[in-house]
Structures are given as structure tokens and as C-alpha cells.
N, C-alpha and C. Protein backbone atom coordinates (compact mmCIF):
# COMPACT_ATOMS: atom_id res chain seq x y z
N MET A 1 0.86 -1.30 -0.13
CA MET A 1 0.08 0.00 -0.32
C MET A 1 1.03 1.11 -0.40
N GLU A 2 2.06 1.20 0.02
CA GLU A 2 2.64 2.56 0.24
C GLU A 2 3.35 2.95 -0.53
N ASP A 3 2.87 1.68 -2.07
CA ASP A 3 3.30 2.20 -3.98
C ASP A 3 2.26 3.09 -3.92
N GLN A 4 0.79 3.16 -2.79
CA GLN A 4 0.00 4.01 -3.96
C GLN A 4 -0.03 5.25 -3.33
N PRO A 5 -0.53 6.45 -3.58
CA PRO A 5 -0.71 7.82 -3.87
C PRO A 5 -1.47 7.87 -2.42
N LEU A 6 -1.35 9.48 -1.33
CA LEU A 6 -2.37 10.28 -0.84
C LEU A 6 -2.87 10.86 -1.90
N PHE A 7 -4.02 11.44 -1.03
CA PHE A 7 -4.56 12.66 -2.14
C PHE A 7 -5.26 13.59 -0.81
N LEU A 8 -4.86 14.44 -0.99
CA LEU A 8 -5.15 16.19 -0.69
C LEU A 8 -5.70 17.13 -1.03
N SER A 9 -7.43 16.62 -0.55
CA SER A 9 -8.23 17.70 -1.50
C SER A 9 -8.93 19.10 -0.60
N ILE A 10 -8.22 20.19 -1.29
CA ILE A 10 -8.79 21.22 -0.41
C ILE A 10 -9.87 21.50 -1.20
N ASP A 11 -11.37 22.89 -0.56
CA ASP A 11 -11.83 23.17 -1.13
C ASP A 11 -12.64 24.04 0.29
N ASP A 12 -13.25 25.29 -0.55
CA ASP A 12 -14.11 26.14 0.48
C ASP A 12 -15.32 25.60 0.32
N THR A 13 -16.10 26.05 1.48
CA THR A 13 -17.81 25.67 1.65
C THR A 13 -18.29 26.96 2.22
N MET A 14 -20.05 27.18 1.70
CA MET A 14 -20.31 28.19 2.62
C MET A 14 -21.80 27.81 3.27
N VAL A 15 -21.09 28.63 4.79
CA VAL A 15 -22.55 28.11 5.51
C VAL A 15 -23.30 29.33 5.56
N GLU A 16 -24.44 29.17 5.62
CA GLU A 16 -25.97 30.26 5.90
C GLU A 16 -26.47 30.37 6.84
N LYS A 17 -26.09 31.82 7.50
CA LYS A 17 -26.50 31.90 8.84
C LYS A 17 -27.77 32.73 8.77
N SER A 18 -28.75 32.56 9.68
CA SER A 18 -29.99 33.45 9.76
C SER A 18 -29.92 34.55 10.67
N GLY A 19 -29.21 34.49 11.64
CA GLY A 19 -28.90 35.78 12.80
C GLY A 19 -27.98 36.93 12.19
N LYS A 20 -27.60 38.04 12.87
CA LYS A 20 -26.43 38.68 12.25
C LYS A 20 -25.75 38.84 13.37
N HIS A 21 -25.66 38.07 14.66
CA HIS A 21 -24.82 38.14 15.67
C HIS A 21 -23.74 37.07 16.19
N PHE A 22 -23.47 36.26 14.61
CA PHE A 22 -22.56 35.10 14.77
C PHE A 22 -20.92 35.87 14.00
N GLU A 23 -19.61 35.56 15.15
CA GLU A 23 -18.48 36.05 15.23
C GLU A 23 -18.25 35.81 13.50
N LEU A 24 -17.02 36.66 13.00
CA LEU A 24 -16.70 36.48 11.36
C LEU A 24 -18.05 36.19 10.31
N CYS A 25 -19.33 36.66 10.77
CA CYS A 25 -20.26 36.05 9.64
C CYS A 25 -20.14 37.75 8.85
N SER A 26 -20.49 36.96 7.39
CA SER A 26 -20.35 38.72 6.52
C SER A 26 -20.78 38.27 5.27
N LYS A 27 -21.57 38.96 4.47
CA LYS A 27 -22.12 38.66 3.44
C LYS A 27 -21.19 38.32 2.03
N LEU A 28 -21.18 37.02 1.26
CA LEU A 28 -20.90 36.23 1.35
C LEU A 28 -21.43 36.37 -0.15
N TYR A 29 -20.34 36.02 -1.22
CA TYR A 29 -20.82 35.33 -2.84
C TYR A 29 -21.14 34.23 -3.14
N ASP A 30 -21.99 33.88 -3.48
CA ASP A 30 -22.23 32.56 -3.80
C ASP A 30 -22.49 32.18 -5.33
N HIS A 31 -21.63 31.47 -6.01
CA HIS A 31 -21.70 31.40 -7.74
C HIS A 31 -23.41 30.79 -8.14
N ALA A 32 -23.10 29.27 -7.11
CA ALA A 32 -23.66 28.46 -6.92
C ALA A 32 -25.76 28.45 -6.10
N ALA A 33 -26.01 29.79 -6.07
CA ALA A 33 -26.76 30.03 -5.36
C ALA A 33 -28.05 29.73 -6.27
N HIS A 34 -29.37 29.44 -5.62
CA HIS A 34 -30.33 29.11 -5.84
C HIS A 34 -31.66 29.55 -5.34
N ASN A 35 -30.92 30.68 -4.41
CA ASN A 35 -32.20 31.48 -3.66
C ASN A 35 -32.92 32.59 -4.14
N GLY A 36 -32.45 32.93 -5.65
CA GLY A 36 -32.41 34.22 -5.87
C GLY A 36 -31.93 35.00 -5.93
N SER A 37 -31.25 34.96 -5.17
CA SER A 37 -29.90 36.05 -5.09
C SER A 37 -28.51 35.07 -4.64
N TYR A 38 -27.46 36.00 -5.64
CA TYR A 38 -26.14 35.33 -4.95
C TYR A 38 -25.54 35.60 -3.83
N TYR A 39 -25.93 36.92 -3.00
CA TYR A 39 -25.60 36.52 -2.34
C TYR A 39 -25.84 35.99 -0.39
N LEU A 40 -25.52 35.68 0.66
CA LEU A 40 -25.50 34.82 1.57
C LEU A 40 -24.98 35.57 2.72
N ASN A 41 -25.60 35.68 3.74
CA ASN A 41 -24.85 36.12 5.06
C ASN A 41 -24.54 34.88 6.03
N GLY A 42 -23.48 34.55 6.22
CA GLY A 42 -22.96 33.25 6.71
C GLY A 42 -21.35 33.46 6.92
N HIS A 43 -21.16 32.22 6.88
CA HIS A 43 -19.15 32.09 7.08
C HIS A 43 -19.02 31.32 5.66
N CYS A 44 -17.49 31.46 5.99
CA CYS A 44 -16.74 30.44 4.84
C CYS A 44 -15.52 29.81 5.37
N MET A 45 -15.70 27.94 5.11
CA MET A 45 -14.33 27.56 5.81
C MET A 45 -14.03 26.78 4.41
N VAL A 46 -13.16 26.79 4.75
CA VAL A 46 -11.48 26.21 3.69
C VAL A 46 -11.29 24.87 4.87
N SER A 47 -11.30 23.81 3.65
CA SER A 47 -11.09 22.59 4.32
C SER A 47 -10.27 21.44 3.36
N LEU A 48 -9.29 20.48 4.53
CA LEU A 48 -9.03 19.70 4.12
C LEU A 48 -9.04 18.31 4.06
N LEU A 49 -8.70 17.33 2.88
CA LEU A 49 -9.45 16.03 3.42
C LEU A 49 -8.39 15.13 2.73
N LEU A 50 -7.82 14.58 3.51
CA LEU A 50 -7.18 13.03 3.33
C LEU A 50 -7.21 11.83 2.87
N SER A 51 -7.27 11.70 1.74
CA SER A 51 -7.69 10.25 1.04
C SER A 51 -6.50 9.09 1.35
N PHE A 52 -6.66 8.07 1.62
CA PHE A 52 -5.32 6.88 1.78
C PHE A 52 -6.03 5.85 1.66
N PRO A 53 -5.35 4.60 0.63
CA PRO A 53 -5.57 4.16 0.21
C PRO A 53 -5.83 2.71 1.60
N VAL A 54 -7.08 1.47 1.26
CA VAL A 54 -7.03 0.62 2.05
C VAL A 54 -7.24 -0.99 1.45
N TYR A 55 -6.61 -1.60 1.64
CA TYR A 55 -6.80 -3.19 0.92
C TYR A 55 -7.98 -3.46 1.29
N GLN A 56 -9.11 -4.05 0.63
CA GLN A 56 -10.44 -4.73 1.14
C GLN A 56 -10.35 -5.49 -0.16
N ASN A 57 -11.17 -6.64 0.04
CA ASN A 57 -11.88 -7.62 -0.33
C ASN A 57 -10.98 -7.98 -2.18
N GLY A 58 -9.73 -8.26 -2.02
CA GLY A 58 -9.19 -8.05 -3.41
C GLY A 58 -8.58 -6.52 -4.16
N LYS A 59 -9.27 -5.32 -3.22
CA LYS A 59 -9.20 -4.32 -4.14
C LYS A 59 -8.46 -3.10 -3.31
N ILE A 60 -8.35 -2.28 -3.98
CA ILE A 60 -7.50 -1.34 -2.94
C ILE A 60 -8.30 0.26 -3.62
N LEU A 61 -9.18 0.66 -2.53
CA LEU A 61 -10.33 1.64 -1.84
C LEU A 61 -9.57 2.28 -1.65
N TYR A 62 -9.92 3.76 -1.96
CA TYR A 62 -9.41 5.14 -0.76
C TYR A 62 -10.60 5.52 -0.12
N LEU A 63 -10.53 5.51 1.58
CA LEU A 63 -10.63 6.42 2.41
C LEU A 63 -10.27 7.86 2.41
N SER A 64 -11.71 8.65 2.56
CA SER A 64 -11.59 10.02 3.55
C SER A 64 -11.59 10.53 4.66
N VAL A 65 -10.79 11.15 4.91
CA VAL A 65 -11.06 11.81 6.35
C VAL A 65 -10.78 13.28 6.81
N PRO A 66 -11.62 14.18 6.73
CA PRO A 66 -11.13 15.71 6.94
C PRO A 66 -10.10 15.72 8.29
N VAL A 67 -9.52 16.39 7.62
CA VAL A 67 -7.91 16.15 8.87
C VAL A 67 -7.99 17.92 8.83
N GLY A 68 -8.20 19.01 8.69
CA GLY A 68 -8.45 20.50 9.20
C GLY A 68 -9.04 21.22 8.15
N TYR A 69 -9.80 22.50 9.01
CA TYR A 69 -10.84 23.59 8.44
C TYR A 69 -10.13 24.74 9.05
N ARG A 70 -10.77 25.39 8.58
CA ARG A 70 -10.24 27.14 8.82
C ARG A 70 -11.62 27.68 8.35
N LEU A 71 -11.95 28.70 9.15
CA LEU A 71 -13.04 29.61 9.34
C LEU A 71 -11.99 31.31 8.65
N TRP A 72 -12.69 31.10 7.09
CA TRP A 72 -12.02 32.77 6.93
C TRP A 72 -12.19 33.68 7.73
N ASP A 73 -11.47 34.54 7.98
CA ASP A 73 -12.38 36.22 8.66
C ASP A 73 -11.90 37.41 7.72
N LYS A 74 -12.00 37.21 6.58
CA LYS A 74 -11.09 38.53 5.68
C LYS A 74 -9.79 38.76 5.67
N GLU A 75 -8.98 38.62 6.67
CA GLU A 75 -8.00 38.97 7.32
C GLU A 75 -6.58 38.36 6.26
N THR A 76 -7.13 36.66 6.06
CA THR A 76 -6.14 36.36 5.56
C THR A 76 -7.52 35.72 4.22
N SER A 77 -6.36 35.53 2.91
CA SER A 77 -7.19 34.94 2.16
C SER A 77 -7.42 33.13 2.03
N LYS A 78 -8.58 33.04 1.23
CA LYS A 78 -8.88 31.26 1.48
C LYS A 78 -7.77 30.94 0.74
N LEU A 79 -6.96 31.26 0.04
CA LEU A 79 -6.10 30.45 -0.69
C LEU A 79 -4.50 30.31 0.34
N ALA A 80 -4.49 31.05 0.98
CA ALA A 80 -3.46 31.42 2.09
C ALA A 80 -3.92 30.18 3.58
N LEU A 81 -4.96 30.30 3.64
CA LEU A 81 -5.53 29.47 4.24
C LEU A 81 -5.17 28.10 3.98
N ALA A 82 -5.60 27.82 2.62
CA ALA A 82 -5.75 26.18 2.06
C ALA A 82 -4.52 25.62 2.18
N ALA A 83 -3.40 27.30 1.96
CA ALA A 83 -2.00 26.44 1.27
C ALA A 83 -1.24 26.10 2.93
N ASP A 84 -1.51 27.06 3.96
CA ASP A 84 -1.22 26.93 5.08
C ASP A 84 -1.88 25.48 5.63
N LEU A 85 -2.89 24.36 5.33
CA LEU A 85 -3.38 23.56 6.11
C LEU A 85 -2.42 22.44 5.37
N VAL A 86 -2.45 22.73 4.01
CA VAL A 86 -1.81 21.56 3.07
C VAL A 86 -0.23 21.59 3.38
N ALA A 87 0.16 22.67 4.10
CA ALA A 87 1.97 22.73 4.25
C ALA A 87 1.88 21.79 5.87
N GLN A 88 0.81 22.35 6.90
CA GLN A 88 1.14 21.31 8.30
C GLN A 88 1.09 19.99 7.77
N ALA A 89 -0.10 19.75 6.55
CA ALA A 89 -0.30 17.87 6.31
C ALA A 89 1.03 17.93 5.63
N MET A 90 1.73 18.33 4.57
CA MET A 90 3.09 17.51 3.94
C MET A 90 4.15 17.45 5.45
N LYS A 91 4.10 18.62 6.96
CA LYS A 91 5.33 18.26 7.39
C LYS A 91 5.14 17.11 8.14
N VAL A 92 4.02 15.84 8.08
CA VAL A 92 4.12 14.61 8.71
C VAL A 92 3.76 13.76 8.24
N ILE A 93 3.73 14.26 6.84
CA ILE A 93 3.41 12.82 5.96
C ILE A 93 5.12 12.46 5.43
N ASP A 94 5.42 11.16 5.42
CA ASP A 94 6.73 10.74 4.80
C ASP A 94 7.06 10.88 3.67
N SER A 95 8.27 11.74 3.50
CA SER A 95 8.94 12.58 2.41
C SER A 95 8.61 11.56 1.23
N LYS A 96 8.58 10.39 1.49
CA LYS A 96 9.16 9.43 0.08
C LYS A 96 7.77 8.91 -0.26
N ARG A 97 6.88 9.58 0.40
CA ARG A 97 5.02 8.91 0.14
C ARG A 97 5.09 9.96 -1.10
N GLN A 98 4.04 9.96 -2.13
CA GLN A 98 3.73 9.82 -3.07
C GLN A 98 2.70 11.14 -2.47
N VAL A 99 2.03 12.62 -2.97
CA VAL A 99 0.92 13.08 -2.08
C VAL A 99 0.42 13.82 -3.63
N ILE A 100 -0.79 13.44 -4.42
CA ILE A 100 -1.40 14.54 -5.02
C ILE A 100 -2.46 15.27 -4.38
N LEU A 101 -2.60 16.61 -4.67
CA LEU A 101 -3.11 18.09 -4.11
C LEU A 101 -4.30 18.04 -5.42
N LEU A 102 -5.06 17.51 -4.81
CA LEU A 102 -6.94 17.69 -5.80
C LEU A 102 -7.53 19.14 -5.61
N CYS A 103 -8.09 19.95 -6.46
CA CYS A 103 -8.56 21.37 -6.22
C CYS A 103 -9.04 21.86 -7.30
N ASP A 104 -10.47 22.66 -7.05
CA ASP A 104 -10.92 22.86 -8.27
C ASP A 104 -10.17 24.19 -9.14
N SER A 105 -11.04 24.98 -9.87
CA SER A 105 -9.68 25.99 -10.85
C SER A 105 -9.79 27.24 -10.04
N TRP A 106 -10.29 27.60 -8.50
CA TRP A 106 -9.84 28.55 -7.82
C TRP A 106 -8.49 28.19 -7.51
N TYR A 107 -7.62 27.18 -6.67
CA TYR A 107 -6.70 27.50 -6.44
C TYR A 107 -5.49 27.28 -6.71
N PRO A 108 -5.04 26.97 -7.76
CA PRO A 108 -3.92 26.23 -8.28
C PRO A 108 -3.49 28.38 -9.15
N LYS A 109 -2.86 28.42 -7.49
CA LYS A 109 -2.49 30.02 -7.73
C LYS A 109 -1.26 30.23 -7.04
N ALA A 110 0.03 31.68 -7.52
CA ALA A 110 0.57 31.60 -6.38
C ALA A 110 1.02 30.43 -4.89
N GLU A 111 0.18 30.60 -3.90
CA GLU A 111 0.38 30.19 -2.68
C GLU A 111 0.73 28.46 -3.27
N ALA A 112 -0.59 27.72 -3.51
CA ALA A 112 -0.65 26.44 -3.85
C ALA A 112 0.14 25.86 -4.76
N VAL A 113 1.14 26.56 -5.74
CA VAL A 113 1.77 26.27 -7.00
C VAL A 113 2.83 26.55 -5.50
N ALA A 114 3.01 26.96 -5.53
CA ALA A 114 4.24 27.12 -4.13
C ALA A 114 4.68 25.78 -3.85
N LEU A 115 3.65 25.56 -3.19
CA LEU A 115 3.91 24.00 -2.07
C LEU A 115 4.23 23.19 -3.03
N VAL A 116 3.61 22.92 -4.26
CA VAL A 116 3.88 21.82 -5.45
C VAL A 116 5.98 21.92 -6.03
N GLU A 117 6.11 23.27 -5.53
CA GLU A 117 8.04 23.52 -5.47
C GLU A 117 8.65 23.29 -4.46
N GLN A 118 7.84 23.53 -3.48
CA GLN A 118 8.66 23.64 -1.77
C GLN A 118 8.95 21.88 -1.21
N PHE A 119 7.99 20.86 -2.07
CA PHE A 119 7.95 19.38 -1.57
C PHE A 119 8.02 18.72 -2.53
N ASP A 120 8.74 18.12 -2.91
CA ASP A 120 9.16 17.18 -3.79
C ASP A 120 8.00 15.87 -4.35
N ASN A 121 7.85 16.15 -3.36
CA ASN A 121 6.74 14.35 -3.27
C ASN A 121 5.65 14.55 -3.48
N LEU A 122 5.18 16.22 -3.98
CA LEU A 122 3.82 17.12 -3.59
C LEU A 122 3.55 17.30 -5.68
N GLU A 123 2.70 16.80 -5.80
CA GLU A 123 1.61 16.97 -7.17
C GLU A 123 0.55 17.28 -7.40
N MET A 124 -0.03 18.65 -8.27
CA MET A 124 -1.01 18.56 -8.30
C MET A 124 -2.46 18.59 -9.55
N VAL A 125 -3.32 17.96 -9.23
CA VAL A 125 -4.04 17.94 -10.38
C VAL A 125 -5.18 18.71 -10.00
N CYS A 126 -6.00 19.63 -11.06
CA CYS A 126 -6.63 20.60 -10.91
C CYS A 126 -7.69 20.87 -12.36
N ASN A 127 -8.64 21.70 -12.17
CA ASN A 127 -9.59 21.94 -13.28
C ASN A 127 -8.91 23.31 -13.65
N ALA A 128 -8.29 23.38 -14.84
CA ALA A 128 -7.66 25.06 -15.20
C ALA A 128 -9.04 26.15 -16.02
N ARG A 129 -8.95 26.48 -15.34
CA ARG A 129 -10.15 28.04 -16.06
C ARG A 129 -9.61 27.63 -17.37
N VAL A 130 -10.65 28.33 -18.66
CA VAL A 130 -10.54 28.74 -19.72
C VAL A 130 -9.71 29.98 -19.75
N ASP A 131 -9.44 31.28 -18.67
CA ASP A 131 -8.81 32.06 -19.37
C ASP A 131 -7.34 31.91 -18.19
N THR A 132 -6.89 30.73 -18.22
CA THR A 132 -5.60 30.48 -17.07
C THR A 132 -4.88 30.46 -18.40
N VAL A 133 -3.85 31.40 -17.98
CA VAL A 133 -2.50 31.32 -18.52
C VAL A 133 -1.20 30.61 -18.55
N LEU A 134 -0.67 29.99 -19.27
CA LEU A 134 0.56 29.04 -18.74
C LEU A 134 1.75 29.63 -19.32
N TYR A 135 2.41 29.36 -18.41
CA TYR A 135 3.87 29.81 -18.80
C TYR A 135 5.01 29.03 -18.55
N GLY A 136 6.47 28.84 -19.63
CA GLY A 136 7.13 27.92 -18.89
C GLY A 136 7.87 28.25 -18.20
N PHE A 137 9.34 27.66 -17.57
CA PHE A 137 9.94 27.79 -16.36
C PHE A 137 11.14 28.71 -16.78
N PRO A 138 11.09 29.83 -16.38
CA PRO A 138 11.76 31.11 -16.38
C PRO A 138 13.30 30.84 -17.26
N PRO A 139 13.72 31.70 -18.06
CA PRO A 139 15.10 31.19 -18.43
C PRO A 139 16.58 31.60 -17.60
N ALA A 140 17.39 31.19 -17.55
CA ALA A 140 18.44 31.65 -17.01
C ALA A 140 19.19 32.59 -16.73
N LYS A 141 19.80 32.92 -15.37
CA LYS A 141 19.95 34.13 -15.62
C LYS A 141 21.20 34.67 -15.94
N THR A 142 20.98 35.74 -17.15
CA THR A 142 22.33 35.74 -18.20
C THR A 142 23.83 36.32 -17.04
N GLY A 143 23.43 37.52 -16.21
CA GLY A 143 24.55 37.98 -15.14
C GLY A 143 24.90 39.48 -16.25
N LYS A 144 23.25 39.70 -16.98
CA LYS A 144 23.39 41.29 -17.09
C LYS A 144 22.71 41.98 -16.35
N LYS A 145 22.50 43.41 -16.01
CA LYS A 145 22.09 44.36 -15.70
C LYS A 145 20.33 44.31 -16.19
N GLY A 146 19.70 44.71 -14.79
CA GLY A 146 18.41 44.72 -14.90
C GLY A 146 17.21 43.36 -14.60
N ARG A 147 16.13 43.43 -14.17
CA ARG A 147 15.64 43.09 -13.29
C ARG A 147 15.26 41.21 -14.73
N PRO A 148 15.73 40.24 -14.33
CA PRO A 148 15.84 38.74 -14.72
C PRO A 148 13.86 38.63 -14.83
N ARG A 149 14.00 37.92 -15.70
CA ARG A 149 12.58 37.53 -16.08
C ARG A 149 11.51 36.64 -15.22
N LYS A 150 10.97 36.88 -15.36
CA LYS A 150 9.98 35.80 -14.09
C LYS A 150 9.27 34.74 -14.27
N ARG A 151 8.88 34.69 -16.12
CA ARG A 151 8.11 33.56 -16.40
C ARG A 151 9.32 33.03 -17.73
N GLY A 152 8.42 32.01 -18.22
CA GLY A 152 9.50 31.64 -19.70
C GLY A 152 8.06 32.15 -21.04
N GLU A 153 8.40 31.26 -22.03
CA GLU A 153 7.72 31.58 -22.70
C GLU A 153 6.48 31.15 -22.41
N ARG A 154 5.49 31.97 -23.04
CA ARG A 154 3.54 31.53 -23.03
C ARG A 154 3.11 30.34 -23.90
N ILE A 155 3.02 29.24 -23.36
CA ILE A 155 2.57 27.41 -23.80
C ILE A 155 0.88 27.92 -24.39
N GLY A 156 1.07 27.54 -25.54
CA GLY A 156 -0.48 27.72 -25.70
C GLY A 156 -0.82 26.75 -26.17
N LEU A 157 -2.49 26.95 -25.93
CA LEU A 157 -3.52 25.59 -26.12
C LEU A 157 -2.90 24.68 -26.79
N ASP A 158 -2.67 24.64 -28.06
CA ASP A 158 -2.38 23.73 -29.43
C ASP A 158 -1.20 22.71 -28.98
N GLU A 159 -0.34 23.40 -28.01
CA GLU A 159 0.91 22.88 -27.56
C GLU A 159 0.56 21.93 -26.86
N ILE A 160 -0.20 21.76 -26.25
CA ILE A 160 -0.68 20.77 -25.11
C ILE A 160 -1.49 19.57 -25.80
N VAL A 161 -0.92 18.04 -25.61
CA VAL A 161 -1.17 17.19 -26.56
C VAL A 161 -2.15 16.70 -25.15
N LEU A 162 -3.31 16.12 -25.97
CA LEU A 162 -4.07 15.28 -24.68
C LEU A 162 -4.17 13.54 -25.12
N GLY A 163 -4.03 12.65 -24.26
CA GLY A 163 -3.67 11.72 -24.29
C GLY A 163 -4.84 10.98 -23.18
N ASP A 164 -5.17 9.63 -23.52
CA ASP A 164 -5.82 8.76 -22.37
C ASP A 164 -5.22 8.02 -21.62
N PRO A 165 -5.96 7.97 -20.25
CA PRO A 165 -5.31 7.24 -19.29
C PRO A 165 -5.59 5.43 -19.53
N LYS A 166 -4.60 5.21 -18.54
CA LYS A 166 -4.68 3.51 -18.18
C LYS A 166 -6.52 3.61 -18.36
N SER A 167 -6.94 4.53 -17.99
CA SER A 167 -8.23 4.01 -17.27
C SER A 167 -9.08 5.15 -16.97
N GLY A 168 -10.45 4.69 -16.93
CA GLY A 168 -11.29 6.27 -16.94
C GLY A 168 -11.65 6.63 -18.05
N ASP A 169 -12.43 7.96 -18.41
CA ASP A 169 -12.95 8.69 -19.04
C ASP A 169 -12.58 9.90 -18.85
N TRP A 170 -11.51 10.28 -18.88
CA TRP A 170 -10.92 11.61 -18.52
C TRP A 170 -9.72 11.03 -19.56
N LEU A 171 -8.82 13.09 -19.63
CA LEU A 171 -7.81 12.72 -21.06
C LEU A 171 -7.05 13.52 -19.79
N ILE A 172 -5.59 13.01 -20.09
CA ILE A 172 -4.41 13.65 -19.51
C ILE A 172 -3.35 14.89 -20.40
N GLY A 173 -2.74 15.89 -19.57
CA GLY A 173 -2.36 17.05 -20.68
C GLY A 173 -0.85 16.77 -20.54
N ARG A 174 -0.27 16.91 -21.74
CA ARG A 174 1.27 16.94 -21.32
C ARG A 174 1.56 17.99 -22.53
N LEU A 175 2.77 18.63 -22.20
CA LEU A 175 3.55 19.32 -23.06
C LEU A 175 4.28 18.45 -24.63
N ALA A 176 3.85 18.92 -25.78
CA ALA A 176 4.32 18.47 -26.70
C ALA A 176 5.98 17.77 -27.02
């Protein structure tokens, strides 16, 4: 079982509150609201879920348990809260164990991507927004005056080759 990866999933959820006397309660935008208004009064929670392999009846199944929650307080971004939760989990997971971070299109930004660079055993799988811009690695420093480039060349969608995985009905993207 040690050769199977662990999965960490990060997401945020909103909990509507009917009163106004709750601490850290605020007006939140809910893009998936079905109540006539896109705004609700409530709390926003950022959560981290750990999924680990379990061998049962000749199959490998994944058991998922929540390992952390943070209440968003508008002083720290939800992205920073999520990155902190993942960093704490990665510090207690064996560095030889492969970990895959799963998230939606809102999380693959600076703080979360920096975790993938910080921990050698961490990879990220996410849904990319249609307006996300991808760049290659920055070029090596030239030793000349001036600020070095932060990014490499822009990667176009036509440069990403989609291939079928060994199982499932999804596609894997990789650079040509």
C-alpha cells in the first residue's frame, strides 16, 4: 500500500446563517446559489481532506477523512488558509510518500503552486479555468543588468497534447 499515492483535497464551502450576531459572519458571494440572490449572510470554511488507500476484498479503495478546517476571517485569503493547511499536512507525511493535491480551478495560484515547488513528493491535479495563462520555466539568469524574467515563454493550448489514461473517461494533458 505504500506505493499507492495519498490524496489531499482542498475546497471551501459556505454556511448560511440566519442571524446577524455570529462572529466572523459576513456577506458572501455564492456563484451556485439557487435562492434568487447570489449573496448570503454566513461563514466561509476552507477544508482539507485526506484520502488514503485501504486494501479490502482484493481491491484498493480510498478512505477519506477530513483533517482540517479554517474559518475565513477576511484578514487572510482563502488561498493562504488552504496553503497553510496543506503545508501542515505535508510536514507530517513521509517525504518518500507520493501525495497528489486535488483542487478546483480557484486554487492553482501562487500559494498552492509554491507548495508543489516546496515539497518534492507533492503534485497537483486541478481543473484549469478557460482564461488561465500557462508559462514555461523562466530562462537562466544572464548576468546582465536589469531585472531577470519571472516567466518563460507563453504556452499555447495547441502545444498541450491530450492523451487517454490507462483507465477512466478523462484526458491527461502534457506538453508536446
